[in-house]
């Protein structure tokens, strides 16, 4: 029970920190996204450790390895999809300096 209470307190503090980052105006606008991403990653780690009990203990190594493998596979799928969409967008665009109506008028 103590682990859950500590995890809840830290998660609540990180959530309030994220809310304060956006609403207070203390953090300059160009830094807000970076601060929010950092707080989100820290909160993810806190929840993995305190609520899902991921760790380096001998009993948890298998769960941690499966989680890391799943995360790696998701990252590969997302990165590959973005790469394919970017290349399709670049290669399907009309020629440089040619607008769409000009490209269609040469039929």
C-alpha atoms as a PDB file:
ATOM      1  CA  UNK A   1       0.000   0.000   0.000  1.00  0.00           C
ATOM      2  CA  UNK A   2       2.900   2.336   0.777  1.00  0.00           C
ATOM      3  CA  UNK A   3       4.244   1.990  -2.786  1.00  0.00           C
ATOM      4  CA  UNK A   4       0.875   2.977  -4.258  1.00  0.00           C
ATOM      5  CA  UNK A   5       0.614   6.035  -1.987  1.00  0.00           C
ATOM      6  CA  UNK A   6       4.109   7.216  -2.933  1.00  0.00           C
ATOM      7  CA  UNK A   7       3.407   6.647  -6.640  1.00  0.00           C
ATOM      8  CA  UNK A   8       0.111   8.516  -6.367  1.00  0.00           C
ATOM      9  CA  UNK A   9       1.737  11.485  -4.612  1.00  0.00           C
ATOM     10  CA  UNK A  10       4.521  11.746  -7.191  1.00  0.00           C
ATOM     11  CA  UNK A  11       2.071  11.360 -10.100  1.00  0.00           C
ATOM     12  CA  UNK A  12      -0.184  14.033  -8.626  1.00  0.00           C
ATOM     13  CA  UNK A  13       2.782  16.402  -8.213  1.00  0.00           C
ATOM     14  CA  UNK A  14       3.861  15.799 -11.834  1.00  0.00           C
ATOM     15  CA  UNK A  15       0.312  16.352 -13.108  1.00  0.00           C
ATOM     16  CA  UNK A  16       0.043  19.609 -11.159  1.00  0.00           C
ATOM     17  CA  UNK A  17       3.464  20.593 -12.502  1.00  0.00           C
ATOM     18  CA  UNK A  18       2.267  20.025 -16.069  1.00  0.00           C
ATOM     19  CA  UNK A  19      -0.891  22.026 -15.427  1.00  0.00           C
ATOM     20  CA  UNK A  20       1.135  24.811 -13.830  1.00  0.00           C
ATOM     21  CA  UNK A  21       3.558  24.857 -16.764  1.00  0.00           C
ATOM     22  CA  UNK A  22       0.740  25.645 -19.163  1.00  0.00           C
ATOM     23  CA  UNK A  23      -1.494  27.836 -17.022  1.00  0.00           C
ATOM     24  CA  UNK A  24       0.946  29.947 -14.993  1.00  0.00           C
ATOM     25  CA  UNK A  25       2.910  31.514 -17.819  1.00  0.00           C
ATOM     26  CA  UNK A  26       6.147  31.158 -15.818  1.00  0.00           C
ATOM     27  CA  UNK A  27       7.729  28.910 -18.470  1.00  0.00           C
ATOM     28  CA  UNK A  28       8.416  30.764 -21.750  1.00  0.00           C
ATOM     29  CA  UNK A  29       6.217  29.584 -24.658  1.00  0.00           C
ATOM     30  CA  UNK A  30       9.127  28.169 -26.666  1.00  0.00           C
ATOM     31  CA  UNK A  31      10.122  25.881 -23.754  1.00  0.00           C
ATOM     32  CA  UNK A  32       6.667  24.644 -22.742  1.00  0.00           C
ATOM     33  CA  UNK A  33       6.522  21.668 -25.092  1.00  0.00           C
ATOM     34  CA  UNK A  34       9.915  20.414 -23.940  1.00  0.00           C
ATOM     35  CA  UNK A  35       8.983  20.768 -20.271  1.00  0.00           C
ATOM     36  CA  UNK A  36       5.676  18.963 -20.833  1.00  0.00           C
ATOM     37  CA  UNK A  37       7.374  16.096 -22.674  1.00  0.00           C
ATOM     38  CA  UNK A  38       9.955  15.780 -19.899  1.00  0.00           C
ATOM     39  CA  UNK A  39       7.257  15.721 -17.197  1.00  0.00           C
ATOM     40  CA  UNK A  40       5.270  13.151 -19.204  1.00  0.00           C
ATOM     41  CA  UNK A  41       8.280  10.837 -19.531  1.00  0.00           C
ATOM     42  CA  UNK A  42       9.037  11.146 -15.810  1.00  0.00           C
ATOM     43  CA  UNK A  43       5.404  10.362 -15.007  1.00  0.00           C
ATOM     44  CA  UNK A  44       5.522   7.310 -17.289  1.00  0.00           C
ATOM     45  CA  UNK A  45       8.581   6.017 -15.456  1.00  0.00           C
ATOM     46  CA  UNK A  46       6.975   6.671 -12.059  1.00  0.00           C
ATOM     47  CA  UNK A  47       3.833   4.774 -13.047  1.00  0.00           C
ATOM     48  CA  UNK A  48       5.834   1.873 -14.464  1.00  0.00           C
ATOM     49  CA  UNK A  49       7.823   1.553 -11.257  1.00  0.00           C
ATOM     50  CA  UNK A  50       5.179   2.227  -8.594  1.00  0.00           C
ATOM     51  CA  UNK A  51       1.993   0.859 -10.198  1.00  0.00           C
ATOM     52  CA  UNK A  52       3.170  -1.816 -12.635  1.00  0.00           C
ATOM     53  CA  UNK A  53       6.116  -2.788 -10.403  1.00  0.00           C
ATOM     54  CA  UNK A  54       8.612  -2.849 -13.255  1.00  0.00           C
ATOM     55  CA  UNK A  55      12.138  -3.056 -11.965  1.00  0.00           C
ATOM     56  CA  UNK A  56      15.429  -4.851 -11.876  1.00  0.00           C
ATOM     57  CA  UNK A  57      14.434  -7.346  -9.192  1.00  0.00           C
ATOM     58  CA  UNK A  58      14.926 -10.937 -10.261  1.00  0.00           C
ATOM     59  CA  UNK A  59      11.172 -11.609 -10.228  1.00  0.00           C
ATOM     60  CA  UNK A  60      10.455  -8.612 -12.477  1.00  0.00           C
ATOM     61  CA  UNK A  61      13.195  -8.954 -15.105  1.00  0.00           C
ATOM     62  CA  UNK A  62      11.012 -10.963 -17.479  1.00  0.00           C
ATOM     63  CA  UNK A  63       8.161  -8.417 -17.322  1.00  0.00           C
ATOM     64  CA  UNK A  64      10.595  -5.548 -17.840  1.00  0.00           C
ATOM     65  CA  UNK A  65      12.221  -7.283 -20.825  1.00  0.00           C
ATOM     66  CA  UNK A  66       8.836  -7.955 -22.442  1.00  0.00           C
ATOM     67  CA  UNK A  67       7.792  -4.338 -21.876  1.00  0.00           C
ATOM     68  CA  UNK A  68      11.019  -3.000 -23.406  1.00  0.00           C
ATOM     69  CA  UNK A  69      10.687  -5.329 -26.410  1.00  0.00           C
ATOM     70  CA  UNK A  70       7.101  -4.184 -26.949  1.00  0.00           C
ATOM     71  CA  UNK A  71       8.179  -0.547 -26.730  1.00  0.00           C
ATOM     72  CA  UNK A  72      10.946  -1.157 -29.267  1.00  0.00           C
ATOM     73  CA  UNK A  73       8.556  -2.852 -31.691  1.00  0.00           C
ATOM     74  CA  UNK A  74       6.052   0.006 -31.401  1.00  0.00           C
ATOM     75  CA  UNK A  75       8.841   2.550 -32.003  1.00  0.00           C
ATOM     76  CA  UNK A  76       9.981   0.648 -35.116  1.00  0.00           C
ATOM     77  CA  UNK A  77       6.430   0.470 -36.499  1.00  0.00           C
ATOM     78  CA  UNK A  78       5.739   4.173 -35.862  1.00  0.00           C
ATOM     79  CA  UNK A  79       9.109   5.311 -37.253  1.00  0.00           C
ATOM     80  CA  UNK A  80       8.729   3.078 -40.312  1.00  0.00           C
ATOM     81  CA  UNK A  81       5.208   4.340 -40.972  1.00  0.00           C
ATOM     82  CA  UNK A  82       6.329   7.967 -40.719  1.00  0.00           C
ATOM     83  CA  UNK A  83       9.256   7.255 -43.043  1.00  0.00           C
ATOM     84  CA  UNK A  84       7.002   5.618 -45.651  1.00  0.00           C
ATOM     85  CA  UNK A  85       4.442   8.455 -45.464  1.00  0.00           C
ATOM     86  CA  UNK A  86       7.174  11.095 -45.794  1.00  0.00           C
ATOM     87  CA  UNK A  87       8.736   9.379 -48.815  1.00  0.00           C
ATOM     88  CA  UNK A  88       5.337   8.881 -50.439  1.00  0.00           C
ATOM     89  CA  UNK A  89       4.562  12.572 -49.931  1.00  0.00           C
ATOM     90  CA  UNK A  90       7.905  13.686 -51.399  1.00  0.00           C
ATOM     91  CA  UNK A  91       7.792  11.313 -54.372  1.00  0.00           C
ATOM     92  CA  UNK A  92       4.134  11.918 -55.263  1.00  0.00           C
ATOM     93  CA  UNK A  93       4.356  15.723 -55.371  1.00  0.00           C
ATOM     94  CA  UNK A  94       4.362  17.489 -58.767  1.00  0.00           C
ATOM     95  CA  UNK A  95       7.775  18.537 -60.161  1.00  0.00           C
ATOM     96  CA  UNK A  96       9.699  21.390 -58.590  1.00  0.00           C
ATOM     97  CA  UNK A  97       8.446  24.780 -59.718  1.00  0.00           C
ATOM     98  CA  UNK A  98       5.389  23.279 -61.386  1.00  0.00           C
ATOM     99  CA  UNK A  99       1.980  23.958 -59.936  1.00  0.00           C
ATOM    100  CA  UNK A 100      -0.824  21.426 -60.068  1.00  0.00           C
ATOM    101  CA  UNK A 101      -2.854  23.153 -62.832  1.00  0.00           C
ATOM    102  CA  UNK A 102       0.249  23.295 -65.095  1.00  0.00           C
ATOM    103  CA  UNK A 103       0.957  19.651 -64.534  1.00  0.00           C
ATOM    104  CA  UNK A 104      -2.607  18.751 -65.464  1.00  0.00           C
ATOM    105  CA  UNK A 105      -2.699  20.987 -68.574  1.00  0.00           C
ATOM    106  CA  UNK A 106      -0.079  18.880 -70.411  1.00  0.00           C
ATOM    107  CA  UNK A 107      -2.440  15.980 -70.968  1.00  0.00           C
END
